Amino acid sequence: MSNGKEQAFISAVQERSHQLYRIAMGYLHSAQDAEDAVSDAIESAWKNLKRIRSTDAIPAYLIRCTINSAKTELRKKRHTEPLEPYQESLVARDPGNPISDYFSDLRERDQLLLILKYQENLREEEIASVLHVPRGTVSSRLSRLLDRLREEMKKEESGNA
């Protein structure tokens, strides 16, 4: 493994650690669990660094590892604490915020797409790299998702008027 790739990895971890933590928190809603998930993700990414072909792919790989680690942590938690109620949403409902209701009702895949695009401000190319799908797929999913959300908001607005 080249020293340049190792340096790029260290830089990516330093630059994106807050982003990785926010993504893990979106799944786990617990600071300790999110920290554990990010730590596991970084360790896993480091161990597999030789598999990454270019240094440009490191940030997306770190995000993907964080998502996988958070999902693993969530599965473990569900098995060890079956009586605890879990919010299936990546973002907890906020009774005072109607947007959180729309968001919480979305599938996990759609929530993740919105988080990566609008919370983490990733470009469609970066999202495509993280999700291992073509950029066009990201674009069309986002477009359909936003159209669907607009329609739901219009229906509710006209029903309350």
Foldseek 3Di string as FASTA:
>chain_A
DDPVLVVLLVVLCVVCVVVLLLQLCLLVVDNVLSVVLLVQLSVVCVVCSVVDDDSVLNNLSSNLSSNVSSVVSVVVCCVVCVVDDDQRGSDDDDVVDVVSVVRSPDHNVLNVLCCVCPVVVDDLVSVCSNVVHDSVVSVVSVVVSVVVVVVVVVVVVVVVD
